[in-house]
Amino acid sequence: MNETKLQTILGSGGALGNLLAEELLQYTQNIRLVSRDPKKVSETDHLFKADLLKREDVDRAVEGSSVVYITVGFPYHHKTWAESWPYFIEYAIDACMKYDAKMVFFDNIYMYNPNYLDGMDENTPHAPPSKKGKVREQVAKMIMDKVENGTLTALIARCADFYGPTIAQNSMLTETVFKPLSEGKSATWLKNLNYKHSFTYTPDAAKGTALLGNSPEAYKQVWHLPTAPHPPTGREWVNMVAKEMNKKPKMMAVPIWMIKIMGLFIPVMKEMPEMMYQYDRDYVFNSDKFENAFDFKVTPYLEGVKTIVKKDYS
């Protein structure tokens, strides 16, 4: 462990940021947490307030860093994404190049061609069908273009939809399955209960991201973060969670027209119709590349569910 090397998280907090801050302690005691209102995860953390849509703030936040992790979560709205992501990534790239910092970009799979979601890996072709997916494709290309021309040392770490204990309370699986079942209500699944759907366990994602960031050989490429194979179908997810909670496995599939009506009252639901393609086919995430490269034990789905129920619902 090199305790003197500063590692910085842009967009600390949230589903991954806090867990990542904990995992980085295995590699350094010098960790900078950057957000509008950063909060310490460990006593040794350095807090840095910044508006990440201001170039000068990003520049100052990156200065002195050896590795910069990007875990920013802009509001889930395609117009906000289109207005914010390209500018922020441009500022972050420029700062990392200026200060010779390595970049680790935490990404999703929105840019992938929807016809190739069953068994997606790092070579899955890009053809995003959604507006948000087109933004993610744009910023990933901005990063990898700089990598390919040799001006930036970076890697992209992608995960599937995520689930996990406590910190992942804004996970779709938490909101639609864990919470309603815990309250004796019906779980709701988007569109169709009969398709497989991978979820990345947030503690695994954080541990994998920290490992990649501290492995020199991992840079200049894309990685899928460790995710359990053989995902359950929506119906199997609900049955598994209900069994661990000792609840009746009540469930319903929510059609797209209902999502649109819900969007009239719940702003975030307005953003869901364009993403519903992920629920009308098998969504299977492959992380063999990571598991073949590193000695890593991926958390099985049942073990993850048991941990969540024990920590959050018992």
C-alpha atoms as a PDB file:
ATOM      1  CA  MET A   1       0.000   0.000   0.000  1.00  0.00           C
ATOM      2  CA  ASN A   2       1.318   3.415  -0.993  1.00  0.00           C
ATOM      3  CA  GLU A   3      -0.073   5.705   1.688  1.00  0.00           C
ATOM      4  CA  THR A   4       1.275   8.887   0.088  1.00  0.00           C
ATOM      5  CA  LYS A   5      -0.427   8.576  -3.311  1.00  0.00           C
ATOM      6  CA  LEU A   6      -3.583  10.695  -3.424  1.00  0.00           C
ATOM      7  CA  GLN A   7      -6.626   8.974  -4.926  1.00  0.00           C
ATOM      8  CA  THR A   8      -9.672  11.116  -5.630  1.00  0.00           C
ATOM      9  CA  ILE A   9     -13.369  10.307  -6.071  1.00  0.00           C
ATOM     10  CA  LEU A  10     -15.288  12.825  -8.177  1.00  0.00           C
ATOM     11  CA  GLY A  11     -18.919  12.439  -7.155  1.00  0.00           C
ATOM     12  CA  SER A  12     -18.402  10.858  -3.741  1.00  0.00           C
ATOM     13  CA  GLY A  13     -21.339   9.397  -1.838  1.00  0.00           C
ATOM     14  CA  GLY A  14     -24.163   7.573  -3.560  1.00  0.00           C
ATOM     15  CA  ALA A  15     -24.538   3.939  -4.498  1.00  0.00           C
ATOM     16  CA  LEU A  16     -20.867   3.350  -5.234  1.00  0.00           C
ATOM     17  CA  GLY A  17     -18.881   6.319  -3.906  1.00  0.00           C
ATOM     18  CA  ASN A  18     -19.007   5.498  -0.192  1.00  0.00           C
ATOM     19  CA  LEU A  19     -18.248   1.814  -0.712  1.00  0.00           C
ATOM     20  CA  LEU A  20     -15.386   2.715  -3.050  1.00  0.00           C
ATOM     21  CA  ALA A  21     -13.929   5.067  -0.437  1.00  0.00           C
ATOM     22  CA  GLU A  22     -13.878   2.171   2.033  1.00  0.00           C
ATOM     23  CA  GLU A  23     -12.228  -0.192  -0.442  1.00  0.00           C
ATOM     24  CA  LEU A  24      -9.510   2.305  -1.405  1.00  0.00           C
ATOM     25  CA  LEU A  25      -8.173   2.172   2.153  1.00  0.00           C
ATOM     26  CA  GLN A  26      -6.542  -1.123   1.157  1.00  0.00           C
ATOM     27  CA  TYR A  27      -4.346   0.847  -1.243  1.00  0.00           C
ATOM     28  CA  THR A  28      -3.888   4.318   0.270  1.00  0.00           C
ATOM     29  CA  GLN A  29      -4.700   6.381   3.356  1.00  0.00           C
ATOM     30  CA  ASN A  30      -4.729   9.513   1.189  1.00  0.00           C
ATOM     31  CA  ILE A  31      -8.254   9.780  -0.237  1.00  0.00           C
ATOM     32  CA  ARG A  32     -10.013  12.931  -1.444  1.00  0.00           C
ATOM     33  CA  LEU A  33     -13.830  12.945  -1.600  1.00  0.00           C
ATOM     34  CA  VAL A  34     -15.277  15.520  -3.975  1.00  0.00           C
ATOM     35  CA  SER A  35     -18.887  16.669  -4.294  1.00  0.00           C
ATOM     36  CA  ARG A  36     -21.098  19.650  -3.506  1.00  0.00           C
ATOM     37  CA  ASP A  37     -21.424  18.407   0.071  1.00  0.00           C
ATOM     38  CA  PRO A  38     -18.869  15.649   0.717  1.00  0.00           C
ATOM     39  CA  LYS A  39     -18.998  13.612   3.901  1.00  0.00           C
ATOM     40  CA  LYS A  40     -16.246  11.515   5.460  1.00  0.00           C
ATOM     41  CA  VAL A  41     -16.428   7.744   5.131  1.00  0.00           C
ATOM     42  CA  SER A  42     -13.205   7.231   7.100  1.00  0.00           C
ATOM     43  CA  GLU A  43     -11.478   9.542   9.538  1.00  0.00           C
ATOM     44  CA  THR A  44      -8.497  10.051   7.226  1.00  0.00           C
ATOM     45  CA  ASP A  45     -10.575  11.210   4.225  1.00  0.00           C
ATOM     46  CA  HIS A  46      -9.984  14.701   2.805  1.00  0.00           C
ATOM     47  CA  LEU A  47     -13.173  16.570   1.898  1.00  0.00           C
ATOM     48  CA  PHE A  48     -13.265  18.885  -1.101  1.00  0.00           C
ATOM     49  CA  LYS A  49     -16.379  20.896  -1.981  1.00  0.00           C
ATOM     50  CA  ALA A  50     -16.800  21.494  -5.684  1.00  0.00           C
ATOM     51  CA  ASP A  51     -19.292  22.178  -8.439  1.00  0.00           C
ATOM     52  CA  LEU A  52     -18.276  19.578 -11.002  1.00  0.00           C
ATOM     53  CA  LEU A  53     -19.862  21.576 -13.799  1.00  0.00           C
ATOM     54  CA  LYS A  54     -17.268  24.311 -13.292  1.00  0.00           C
ATOM     55  CA  ARG A  55     -13.956  23.731 -15.057  1.00  0.00           C
ATOM     56  CA  GLU A  56     -11.911  25.491 -12.366  1.00  0.00           C
ATOM     57  CA  ASP A  57     -13.484  23.368  -9.604  1.00  0.00           C
ATOM     58  CA  VAL A  58     -12.737  20.127 -11.448  1.00  0.00           C
ATOM     59  CA  ASP A  59      -9.177  21.290 -12.097  1.00  0.00           C
ATOM     60  CA  ARG A  60      -8.563  22.024  -8.410  1.00  0.00           C
ATOM     61  CA  ALA A  61     -10.237  18.774  -7.361  1.00  0.00           C
ATOM     62  CA  VAL A  62      -7.955  16.701  -9.590  1.00  0.00           C
ATOM     63  CA  GLU A  63      -4.698  18.539  -8.844  1.00  0.00           C
ATOM     64  CA  GLY A  64      -2.201  16.301  -7.056  1.00  0.00           C
ATOM     65  CA  SER A  65      -4.129  13.074  -7.682  1.00  0.00           C
ATOM     66  CA  SER A  66      -2.522   9.867  -8.884  1.00  0.00           C
ATOM     67  CA  VAL A  67      -5.873   8.195  -9.685  1.00  0.00           C
ATOM     68  CA  VAL A  68      -9.242   9.882 -10.243  1.00  0.00           C
ATOM     69  CA  TYR A  69     -12.445   7.816  -9.968  1.00  0.00           C
ATOM     70  CA  ILE A  70     -15.556   9.195 -11.636  1.00  0.00           C
ATOM     71  CA  THR A  71     -18.727   8.088  -9.855  1.00  0.00           C
ATOM     72  CA  VAL A  72     -20.814  11.191 -10.550  1.00  0.00           C
ATOM     73  CA  GLY A  73     -24.581  10.781 -10.665  1.00  0.00           C
ATOM     74  CA  PHE A  74     -26.311  13.635 -12.460  1.00  0.00           C
ATOM     75  CA  PRO A  75     -30.132  13.769 -12.106  1.00  0.00           C
ATOM     76  CA  TYR A  76     -31.771  10.970 -14.090  1.00  0.00           C
ATOM     77  CA  HIS A  77     -33.113  13.052 -16.967  1.00  0.00           C
ATOM     78  CA  HIS A  78     -31.927  12.858 -20.554  1.00  0.00           C
ATOM     79  CA  LYS A  79     -31.827  16.648 -21.048  1.00  0.00           C
ATOM     80  CA  THR A  80     -29.763  17.094 -17.887  1.00  0.00           C
ATOM     81  CA  TRP A  81     -27.439  14.314 -19.003  1.00  0.00           C
ATOM     82  CA  ALA A  82     -27.015  15.825 -22.474  1.00  0.00           C
ATOM     83  CA  GLU A  83     -26.264  19.230 -20.977  1.00  0.00           C
ATOM     84  CA  SER A  84     -23.980  18.064 -18.144  1.00  0.00           C
ATOM     85  CA  TRP A  85     -22.065  14.894 -18.978  1.00  0.00           C
ATOM     86  CA  PRO A  86     -20.030  16.049 -22.021  1.00  0.00           C
ATOM     87  CA  TYR A  87     -18.881  19.257 -20.317  1.00  0.00           C
ATOM     88  CA  PHE A  88     -17.949  17.492 -17.086  1.00  0.00           C
ATOM     89  CA  ILE A  89     -16.056  14.720 -18.893  1.00  0.00           C
ATOM     90  CA  GLU A  90     -14.188  17.308 -20.961  1.00  0.00           C
ATOM     91  CA  TYR A  91     -13.145  19.108 -17.756  1.00  0.00           C
ATOM     92  CA  ALA A  92     -12.139  15.847 -16.060  1.00  0.00           C
ATOM     93  CA  ILE A  93     -10.133  14.629 -19.064  1.00  0.00           C
ATOM     94  CA  ASP A  94      -8.309  17.933 -19.367  1.00  0.00           C
ATOM     95  CA  ALA A  95      -7.495  18.009 -15.646  1.00  0.00           C
ATOM     96  CA  CYS A  96      -6.260  14.406 -15.628  1.00  0.00           C
ATOM     97  CA  MET A  97      -4.017  15.090 -18.609  1.00  0.00           C
ATOM     98  CA  LYS A  98      -2.748  18.338 -17.062  1.00  0.00           C
ATOM     99  CA  TYR A  99      -1.781  16.672 -13.764  1.00  0.00           C
ATOM    100  CA  ASP A 100      -0.840  13.259 -15.206  1.00  0.00           C
ATOM    101  CA  ALA A 101      -3.566  11.491 -13.207  1.00  0.00           C
ATOM    102  CA  LYS A 102      -5.047   8.167 -14.239  1.00  0.00           C
ATOM    103  CA  MET A 103      -8.824   8.084 -14.781  1.00  0.00           C
ATOM    104  CA  VAL A 104     -11.253   5.321 -13.779  1.00  0.00           C
ATOM    105  CA  PHE A 105     -14.713   5.919 -15.249  1.00  0.00           C
ATOM    106  CA  PHE A 106     -17.599   4.045 -13.630  1.00  0.00           C
ATOM    107  CA  ASP A 107     -20.082   3.334 -16.421  1.00  0.00           C
ATOM    108  CA  ASN A 108     -23.296   1.480 -17.267  1.00  0.00           C
ATOM    109  CA  ILE A 109     -24.411  -0.506 -20.335  1.00  0.00           C
ATOM    110  CA  TYR A 110     -26.828   1.965 -21.890  1.00  0.00           C
ATOM    111  CA  MET A 111     -24.701   2.320 -25.042  1.00  0.00           C
ATOM    112  CA  TYR A 112     -24.973  -1.355 -26.006  1.00  0.00           C
ATOM    113  CA  ASN A 113     -26.996  -2.592 -28.969  1.00  0.00           C
ATOM    114  CA  PRO A 114     -30.279  -3.925 -27.498  1.00  0.00           C
ATOM    115  CA  ASN A 115     -30.088  -6.987 -29.756  1.00  0.00           C
ATOM    116  CA  TYR A 116     -26.983  -8.180 -27.881  1.00  0.00           C
ATOM    117  CA  LEU A 117     -28.009  -7.915 -24.221  1.00  0.00           C
ATOM    118  CA  ASP A 118     -28.109 -11.690 -23.691  1.00  0.00           C
ATOM    119  CA  GLY A 119     -24.476 -12.348 -22.808  1.00  0.00           C
ATOM    120  CA  MET A 120     -23.104  -8.811 -23.157  1.00  0.00           C
ATOM    121  CA  ASP A 121     -19.372  -8.434 -22.628  1.00  0.00           C
ATOM    122  CA  GLU A 122     -16.724  -5.792 -23.272  1.00  0.00           C
ATOM    123  CA  ASN A 123     -16.949  -6.383 -27.037  1.00  0.00           C
ATOM    124  CA  THR A 124     -20.718  -5.977 -27.311  1.00  0.00           C
ATOM    125  CA  PRO A 125     -21.484  -3.596 -30.209  1.00  0.00           C
ATOM    126  CA  HIS A 126     -22.736  -0.095 -29.479  1.00  0.00           C
ATOM    127  CA  ALA A 127     -26.086   1.121 -30.863  1.00  0.00           C
ATOM    128  CA  PRO A 128     -27.938   2.848 -28.020  1.00  0.00           C
ATOM    129  CA  PRO A 129     -31.712   3.051 -28.595  1.00  0.00           C
ATOM    130  CA  SER A 130     -32.271   5.643 -25.857  1.00  0.00           C
ATOM    131  CA  LYS A 131     -31.380   9.327 -25.512  1.00  0.00           C
ATOM    132  CA  LYS A 132     -29.555   8.628 -22.251  1.00  0.00           C
ATOM    133  CA  GLY A 133     -27.676   5.782 -23.922  1.00  0.00           C
ATOM    134  CA  LYS A 134     -26.468   8.105 -26.681  1.00  0.00           C
ATOM    135  CA  VAL A 135     -25.026  10.454 -24.038  1.00  0.00           C
ATOM    136  CA  ARG A 136     -23.203   7.568 -22.331  1.00  0.00           C
ATOM    137  CA  GLU A 137     -21.817   6.414 -25.676  1.00  0.00           C
ATOM    138  CA  GLN A 138     -20.586   9.957 -26.381  1.00  0.00           C
ATOM    139  CA  VAL A 139     -18.700  10.379 -23.110  1.00  0.00           C
ATOM    140  CA  ALA A 140     -17.182   6.876 -23.234  1.00  0.00           C
ATOM    141  CA  LYS A 141     -15.895   7.691 -26.737  1.00  0.00           C
ATOM    142  CA  MET A 142     -14.436  10.981 -25.483  1.00  0.00           C
ATOM    143  CA  ILE A 143     -12.399   9.034 -22.927  1.00  0.00           C
ATOM    144  CA  MET A 144     -11.283   6.168 -25.148  1.00  0.00           C
ATOM    145  CA  ASP A 145     -10.325   8.493 -28.027  1.00  0.00           C
ATOM    146  CA  LYS A 146      -7.823  10.179 -25.685  1.00  0.00           C
ATOM    147  CA  VAL A 147      -6.605   6.771 -24.505  1.00  0.00           C
ATOM    148  CA  GLU A 148      -6.068   5.607 -28.063  1.00  0.00           C
ATOM    149  CA  ASN A 149      -4.093   8.703 -29.060  1.00  0.00           C
ATOM    150  CA  GLY A 150      -1.884   8.293 -25.997  1.00  0.00           C
ATOM    151  CA  THR A 151      -2.745  11.522 -24.195  1.00  0.00           C
ATOM    152  CA  LEU A 152      -4.773   9.985 -21.328  1.00  0.00           C
ATOM    153  CA  THR A 153      -4.295   6.917 -19.139  1.00  0.00           C
ATOM    154  CA  ALA A 154      -7.784   5.671 -18.315  1.00  0.00           C
ATOM    155  CA  LEU A 155     -10.045   2.670 -18.035  1.00  0.00           C
ATOM    156  CA  ILE A 156     -13.802   2.193 -18.135  1.00  0.00           C
ATOM    157  CA  ALA A 157     -15.452  -0.059 -15.539  1.00  0.00           C
ATOM    158  CA  ARG A 158     -19.029  -1.037 -16.380  1.00  0.00           C
ATOM    159  CA  CYS A 159     -21.668  -2.718 -14.281  1.00  0.00           C
ATOM    160  CA  ALA A 160     -25.181  -3.976 -14.855  1.00  0.00           C
ATOM    161  CA  ASP A 161     -28.138  -2.572 -12.943  1.00  0.00           C
ATOM    162  CA  PHE A 162     -27.078  -2.714  -9.304  1.00  0.00           C
ATOM    163  CA  TYR A 163     -28.388  -3.974  -5.982  1.00  0.00           C
ATOM    164  CA  GLY A 164     -26.930  -4.043  -2.491  1.00  0.00           C
ATOM    165  CA  PRO A 165     -27.435  -3.370   1.214  1.00  0.00           C
ATOM    166  CA  THR A 166     -28.433   0.062   2.556  1.00  0.00           C
ATOM    167  CA  ILE A 167     -26.311   2.176   0.256  1.00  0.00           C
ATOM    168  CA  ALA A 168     -28.221   0.988  -2.813  1.00  0.00           C
ATOM    169  CA  GLN A 169     -31.593   2.227  -1.636  1.00  0.00           C
ATOM    170  CA  ASN A 170     -32.092   3.995  -4.957  1.00  0.00           C
ATOM    171  CA  SER A 171     -31.667   0.729  -6.834  1.00  0.00           C
ATOM    172  CA  MET A 172     -34.599  -0.250  -9.041  1.00  0.00           C
ATOM    173  CA  LEU A 173     -34.584  -3.691  -7.402  1.00  0.00           C
ATOM    174  CA  THR A 174     -34.824  -2.101  -3.962  1.00  0.00           C
ATOM    175  CA  GLU A 175     -37.691   0.178  -4.927  1.00  0.00           C
ATOM    176  CA  THR A 176     -39.743  -2.348  -6.881  1.00  0.00           C
ATOM    177  CA  VAL A 177     -39.071  -5.612  -5.039  1.00  0.00           C
ATOM    178  CA  PHE A 178     -37.399  -5.380  -1.624  1.00  0.00           C
ATOM    179  CA  LYS A 179     -39.351  -2.425  -0.212  1.00  0.00           C
ATOM    180  CA  PRO A 180     -42.872  -3.406  -1.299  1.00  0.00           C
ATOM    181  CA  LEU A 181     -42.442  -7.048  -0.266  1.00  0.00           C
ATOM    182  CA  SER A 182     -41.135  -5.956   3.146  1.00  0.00           C
ATOM    183  CA  GLU A 183     -44.345  -3.946   3.587  1.00  0.00           C
ATOM    184  CA  GLY A 184     -46.586  -6.845   2.572  1.00  0.00           C
ATOM    185  CA  LYS A 185     -47.343  -5.276  -0.826  1.00  0.00           C
ATOM    186  CA  SER A 186     -46.910  -6.679  -4.315  1.00  0.00           C
ATOM    187  CA  ALA A 187     -43.539  -6.442  -5.978  1.00  0.00           C
ATOM    188  CA  THR A 188     -43.657  -4.702  -9.347  1.00  0.00           C
ATOM    189  CA  TRP A 189     -41.480  -5.740 -12.271  1.00  0.00           C
ATOM    190  CA  LEU A 190     -41.150  -3.747 -15.441  1.00  0.00           C
ATOM    191  CA  LYS A 191     -42.903  -5.177 -18.478  1.00  0.00           C
ATOM    192  CA  ASN A 192     -42.306  -8.939 -18.200  1.00  0.00           C
ATOM    193  CA  LEU A 193     -41.497 -11.268 -15.285  1.00  0.00           C
ATOM    194  CA  ASN A 194     -40.153 -14.092 -17.432  1.00  0.00           C
ATOM    195  CA  TYR A 195     -36.829 -12.704 -18.656  1.00  0.00           C
ATOM    196  CA  LYS A 196     -33.455 -13.111 -16.951  1.00  0.00           C
ATOM    197  CA  HIS A 197     -31.951  -9.949 -15.492  1.00  0.00           C
ATOM    198  CA  SER A 198     -28.425  -9.508 -14.138  1.00  0.00           C
ATOM    199  CA  PHE A 199     -27.705  -7.202 -11.208  1.00  0.00           C
ATOM    200  CA  THR A 200     -24.234  -6.234  -9.982  1.00  0.00           C
ATOM    201  CA  TYR A 201     -23.798  -6.375  -6.197  1.00  0.00           C
ATOM    202  CA  THR A 202     -22.572  -2.940  -5.083  1.00  0.00           C
ATOM    203  CA  PRO A 203     -19.886  -4.216  -2.642  1.00  0.00           C
ATOM    204  CA  ASP A 204     -18.452  -6.308  -5.507  1.00  0.00           C
ATOM    205  CA  ALA A 205     -18.583  -3.301  -7.864  1.00  0.00           C
ATOM    206  CA  ALA A 206     -16.724  -1.100  -5.365  1.00  0.00           C
ATOM    207  CA  LYS A 207     -14.092  -3.720  -4.617  1.00  0.00           C
ATOM    208  CA  GLY A 208     -13.619  -4.401  -8.333  1.00  0.00           C
ATOM    209  CA  THR A 209     -13.329  -0.697  -9.187  1.00  0.00           C
ATOM    210  CA  ALA A 210     -10.681  -0.128  -6.498  1.00  0.00           C
ATOM    211  CA  LEU A 211      -8.769  -3.182  -7.702  1.00  0.00           C
ATOM    212  CA  LEU A 212      -8.810  -1.998 -11.309  1.00  0.00           C
ATOM    213  CA  GLY A 213      -7.717   1.510 -10.350  1.00  0.00           C
ATOM    214  CA  ASN A 214      -4.711   0.099  -8.524  1.00  0.00           C
ATOM    215  CA  SER A 215      -3.683  -2.404 -11.209  1.00  0.00           C
ATOM    216  CA  PRO A 216      -1.415  -0.708 -13.785  1.00  0.00           C
ATOM    217  CA  GLU A 217      -2.078  -3.458 -16.324  1.00  0.00           C
ATOM    218  CA  ALA A 218      -5.836  -2.766 -16.243  1.00  0.00           C
ATOM    219  CA  TYR A 219      -5.640   0.623 -17.940  1.00  0.00           C
ATOM    220  CA  LYS A 220      -6.353   1.526 -21.575  1.00  0.00           C
ATOM    221  CA  GLN A 221      -9.289  -0.863 -21.828  1.00  0.00           C
ATOM    222  CA  VAL A 222     -12.906  -1.533 -20.856  1.00  0.00           C
ATOM    223  CA  TRP A 223     -13.843  -3.913 -18.027  1.00  0.00           C
ATOM    224  CA  HIS A 224     -17.101  -5.445 -16.855  1.00  0.00           C
ATOM    225  CA  LEU A 225     -17.192  -5.400 -13.068  1.00  0.00           C
ATOM    226  CA  PRO A 226     -17.683  -8.749 -11.303  1.00  0.00           C
ATOM    227  CA  THR A 227     -21.294  -9.894 -11.553  1.00  0.00           C
ATOM    228  CA  ALA A 228     -22.761 -13.285 -10.695  1.00  0.00           C
ATOM    229  CA  PRO A 229     -23.577 -15.528 -13.679  1.00  0.00           C
ATOM    230  CA  HIS A 230     -26.897 -17.248 -14.404  1.00  0.00           C
ATOM    231  CA  PRO A 231     -29.202 -14.395 -13.349  1.00  0.00           C
ATOM    232  CA  PRO A 232     -32.748 -15.110 -12.148  1.00  0.00           C
ATOM    233  CA  THR A 233     -35.814 -14.076 -14.094  1.00  0.00           C
ATOM    234  CA  GLY A 234     -37.988 -11.322 -12.660  1.00  0.00           C
ATOM    235  CA  ARG A 235     -40.324 -13.945 -11.232  1.00  0.00           C
ATOM    236  CA  GLU A 236     -37.395 -15.806  -9.652  1.00  0.00           C
ATOM    237  CA  TRP A 237     -36.038 -12.579  -8.159  1.00  0.00           C
ATOM    238  CA  VAL A 238     -39.370 -11.869  -6.452  1.00  0.00           C
ATOM    239  CA  ASN A 239     -39.721 -15.444  -5.201  1.00  0.00           C
ATOM    240  CA  MET A 240     -36.155 -15.442  -3.840  1.00  0.00           C
ATOM    241  CA  VAL A 241     -36.544 -12.141  -1.975  1.00  0.00           C
ATOM    242  CA  ALA A 242     -39.999 -13.073  -0.633  1.00  0.00           C
ATOM    243  CA  LYS A 243     -38.707 -16.397   0.671  1.00  0.00           C
ATOM    244  CA  GLU A 244     -35.846 -14.743   2.565  1.00  0.00           C
ATOM    245  CA  MET A 245     -38.274 -12.207   4.043  1.00  0.00           C
ATOM    246  CA  ASN A 246     -40.804 -14.920   4.870  1.00  0.00           C
ATOM    247  CA  LYS A 247     -43.399 -12.998   2.869  1.00  0.00           C
ATOM    248  CA  LYS A 248     -45.924 -14.054   0.256  1.00  0.00           C
ATOM    249  CA  PRO A 249     -44.392 -13.642  -3.222  1.00  0.00           C
ATOM    250  CA  LYS A 250     -47.005 -11.245  -4.539  1.00  0.00           C
ATOM    251  CA  MET A 251     -46.002  -9.684  -7.836  1.00  0.00           C
ATOM    252  CA  MET A 252     -47.242  -7.878 -10.900  1.00  0.00           C
ATOM    253  CA  ALA A 253     -45.716  -6.886 -14.239  1.00  0.00           C
ATOM    254  CA  VAL A 254     -46.100  -3.187 -15.020  1.00  0.00           C
ATOM    255  CA  PRO A 255     -46.894  -2.457 -18.697  1.00  0.00           C
ATOM    256  CA  ILE A 256     -45.391   0.530 -20.470  1.00  0.00           C
ATOM    257  CA  TRP A 257     -48.700   2.430 -20.586  1.00  0.00           C
ATOM    258  CA  MET A 258     -48.852   2.342 -16.798  1.00  0.00           C
ATOM    259  CA  ILE A 259     -45.273   3.626 -16.559  1.00  0.00           C
ATOM    260  CA  LYS A 260     -46.255   6.568 -18.756  1.00  0.00           C
ATOM    261  CA  ILE A 261     -49.219   7.392 -16.512  1.00  0.00           C
ATOM    262  CA  MET A 262     -47.014   7.141 -13.423  1.00  0.00           C
ATOM    263  CA  GLY A 263     -44.662   9.603 -15.120  1.00  0.00           C
ATOM    264  CA  LEU A 264     -47.365  12.247 -14.922  1.00  0.00           C
ATOM    265  CA  PHE A 265     -47.054  12.171 -11.130  1.00  0.00           C
ATOM    266  CA  ILE A 266     -43.516  10.858 -10.513  1.00  0.00           C
ATOM    267  CA  PRO A 267     -40.919  12.796 -12.551  1.00  0.00           C
ATOM    268  CA  VAL A 268     -38.278  10.046 -12.620  1.00  0.00           C
ATOM    269  CA  MET A 269     -40.800   7.627 -14.169  1.00  0.00           C
ATOM    270  CA  LYS A 270     -40.974   9.882 -17.230  1.00  0.00           C
ATOM    271  CA  GLU A 271     -37.478   8.654 -17.997  1.00  0.00           C
ATOM    272  CA  MET A 272     -38.326   4.954 -17.843  1.00  0.00           C
ATOM    273  CA  PRO A 273     -40.281   4.266 -21.078  1.00  0.00           C
ATOM    274  CA  GLU A 274     -37.174   4.628 -23.274  1.00  0.00           C
ATOM    275  CA  MET A 275     -35.340   2.155 -21.022  1.00  0.00           C
ATOM    276  CA  MET A 276     -38.059  -0.517 -21.000  1.00  0.00           C
ATOM    277  CA  TYR A 277     -36.326  -2.478 -23.770  1.00  0.00           C
ATOM    278  CA  GLN A 278     -34.035  -3.818 -21.031  1.00  0.00           C
ATOM    279  CA  TYR A 279     -36.992  -5.708 -19.563  1.00  0.00           C
ATOM    280  CA  ASP A 280     -38.539  -7.289 -22.659  1.00  0.00           C
ATOM    281  CA  ARG A 281     -35.583  -9.591 -23.342  1.00  0.00           C
ATOM    282  CA  ASP A 282     -32.929 -11.500 -21.407  1.00  0.00           C
ATOM    283  CA  TYR A 283     -30.429  -9.076 -19.858  1.00  0.00           C
ATOM    284  CA  VAL A 284     -27.343 -11.143 -19.049  1.00  0.00           C
ATOM    285  CA  PHE A 285     -24.086  -9.448 -18.071  1.00  0.00           C
ATOM    286  CA  ASN A 286     -20.786 -11.292 -18.565  1.00  0.00           C
ATOM    287  CA  SER A 287     -17.759 -10.434 -16.410  1.00  0.00           C
ATOM    288  CA  ASP A 288     -15.513 -13.379 -17.370  1.00  0.00           C
ATOM    289  CA  LYS A 289     -12.686 -11.058 -18.433  1.00  0.00           C
ATOM    290  CA  PHE A 290     -12.417  -9.593 -14.935  1.00  0.00           C
ATOM    291  CA  GLU A 291     -12.728 -12.930 -13.157  1.00  0.00           C
ATOM    292  CA  ASN A 292     -10.104 -14.533 -15.385  1.00  0.00           C
ATOM    293  CA  ALA A 293      -7.682 -11.657 -14.774  1.00  0.00           C
ATOM    294  CA  PHE A 294      -8.084 -11.338 -11.006  1.00  0.00           C
ATOM    295  CA  ASP A 295      -8.517 -13.683  -8.063  1.00  0.00           C
ATOM    296  CA  PHE A 296     -12.007 -12.522  -7.090  1.00  0.00           C
ATOM    297  CA  LYS A 297     -14.970 -14.288  -5.506  1.00  0.00           C
ATOM    298  CA  VAL A 298     -18.196 -12.906  -6.943  1.00  0.00           C
ATOM    299  CA  THR A 299     -21.131 -12.759  -4.526  1.00  0.00           C
ATOM    300  CA  PRO A 300     -23.855 -15.244  -5.577  1.00  0.00           C
ATOM    301  CA  TYR A 301     -27.333 -13.760  -5.945  1.00  0.00           C
ATOM    302  CA  LEU A 302     -28.841 -15.663  -3.031  1.00  0.00           C
ATOM    303  CA  GLU A 303     -25.998 -14.601  -0.735  1.00  0.00           C
ATOM    304  CA  GLY A 304     -26.500 -10.972  -1.768  1.00  0.00           C
ATOM    305  CA  VAL A 305     -30.242 -11.176  -1.107  1.00  0.00           C
ATOM    306  CA  LYS A 306     -29.677 -12.787   2.303  1.00  0.00           C
ATOM    307  CA  THR A 307     -27.264  -9.994   3.285  1.00  0.00           C
ATOM    308  CA  ILE A 308     -29.666  -7.254   2.193  1.00  0.00           C
ATOM    309  CA  VAL A 309     -32.616  -8.776   4.030  1.00  0.00           C
ATOM    310  CA  LYS A 310     -30.560  -9.262   7.197  1.00  0.00           C
ATOM    311  CA  LYS A 311     -29.084  -5.740   7.170  1.00  0.00           C
ATOM    312  CA  ASP A 312     -32.054  -3.725   5.978  1.00  0.00           C
ATOM    313  CA  TYR A 313     -35.261  -5.632   6.652  1.00  0.00           C
ATOM    314  CA  SER A 314     -34.827  -7.662   9.842  1.00  0.00           C
END
